[in-house]
Amino acid sequence: MKIDPTTANALNDLLRELASEIDLHYDDAVFHAIGPTIDVMKRAAKLVTDAGYTAPDSYHHIVQRFERNAPSNT
């Protein structure tokens, strides 16, 4: 899928802000509760990366943190 730079930037801004908020407000022990949110973020990041852009570092950080702390069945 091709997306224009404005759309890619907007998606990346949303990913960055959401990841930052999750990082600030969620303890590792409750990460199991945000599985659906992480799934949506992964879909948005896939759109960005499939179009040739790079997802923000904060997104990668929060996904790694989620994968370390959430049960594997989420």
Protein backbone atom coordinates (compact mmCIF):
# COMPACT_ATOMS: atom_id res chain seq x y z
CA MET A 1 0.00 0.00 0.00
CA LYS A 2 1.29 3.43 -0.85
CA ILE A 3 0.74 6.28 1.57
CA ASP A 4 1.83 9.85 1.20
CA PRO A 5 4.40 11.46 3.52
CA THR A 6 1.75 13.53 5.33
CA THR A 7 -0.21 10.39 6.23
CA ALA A 8 2.95 8.52 7.25
CA ASN A 9 3.99 11.43 9.46
CA ALA A 10 0.54 11.63 11.05
CA LEU A 11 0.53 7.88 11.77
CA ASN A 12 4.03 8.09 13.21
CA ASP A 13 3.03 11.05 15.38
CA LEU A 14 0.09 9.05 16.71
CA LEU A 15 2.27 5.99 17.32
CA ARG A 16 4.87 8.11 19.11
CA GLU A 17 2.32 9.85 21.34
CA LEU A 18 0.40 6.70 22.20
CA ALA A 19 3.60 4.77 22.94
CA SER A 20 4.83 7.59 25.17
CA GLU A 21 1.55 7.72 27.10
CA ILE A 22 1.53 3.95 27.59
CA ASP A 23 5.15 4.04 28.71
CA LEU A 24 4.40 6.74 31.28
CA HIS A 25 1.10 5.46 32.65
CA TYR A 26 1.19 1.65 32.56
CA ASP A 27 3.14 -0.56 34.91
CA ASP A 28 4.57 -3.78 33.52
CA ALA A 29 2.17 -5.81 35.66
CA VAL A 30 -0.90 -4.52 33.78
CA PHE A 31 0.41 -4.83 30.24
CA HIS A 32 -1.86 -7.82 29.68
CA ALA A 33 -4.74 -5.33 29.53
CA ILE A 34 -3.43 -3.40 26.52
CA GLY A 35 -3.14 -6.27 24.05
CA PRO A 36 -5.84 -4.85 21.75
CA THR A 37 -4.14 -1.43 21.76
CA ILE A 38 -0.79 -2.98 20.86
CA ASP A 39 -2.47 -4.91 18.02
CA VAL A 40 -3.87 -1.66 16.58
CA MET A 41 -0.48 0.01 16.93
CA LYS A 42 1.16 -2.90 15.11
CA ARG A 43 -1.32 -2.54 12.23
CA ALA A 44 -0.57 1.18 11.94
CA ALA A 45 3.19 0.57 12.10
CA LYS A 46 2.87 -2.07 9.37
CA LEU A 47 1.15 0.45 7.10
CA VAL A 48 4.01 2.86 7.70
CA THR A 49 6.81 0.35 7.20
CA ASP A 50 5.19 -1.38 4.21
CA ALA A 51 5.08 2.05 2.54
CA GLY A 52 8.82 2.47 3.07
CA TYR A 53 8.83 4.66 6.16
CA THR A 54 10.24 3.88 9.60
CA ALA A 55 8.08 3.53 12.70
CA PRO A 56 9.24 5.62 15.68
CA ASP A 57 11.66 4.26 18.27
CA SER A 58 9.09 4.84 21.02
CA TYR A 59 6.73 2.44 19.22
CA HIS A 60 9.41 -0.27 19.07
CA HIS A 61 10.23 0.32 22.74
CA ILE A 62 6.64 -0.14 23.90
CA VAL A 63 6.08 -3.25 21.76
CA GLN A 64 9.24 -4.81 23.19
CA ARG A 65 8.14 -3.90 26.70
CA PHE A 66 4.71 -5.38 26.04
CA GLU A 67 6.19 -8.60 24.66
CA ARG A 68 8.43 -8.95 27.75
CA ASN A 69 5.58 -8.41 30.20
CA ALA A 70 2.31 -9.65 28.73
CA PRO A 71 1.28 -13.30 28.68
CA SER A 72 2.10 -14.90 25.34
CA ASN A 73 -1.55 -15.75 24.65
CA THR A 74 -2.65 -12.10 24.16
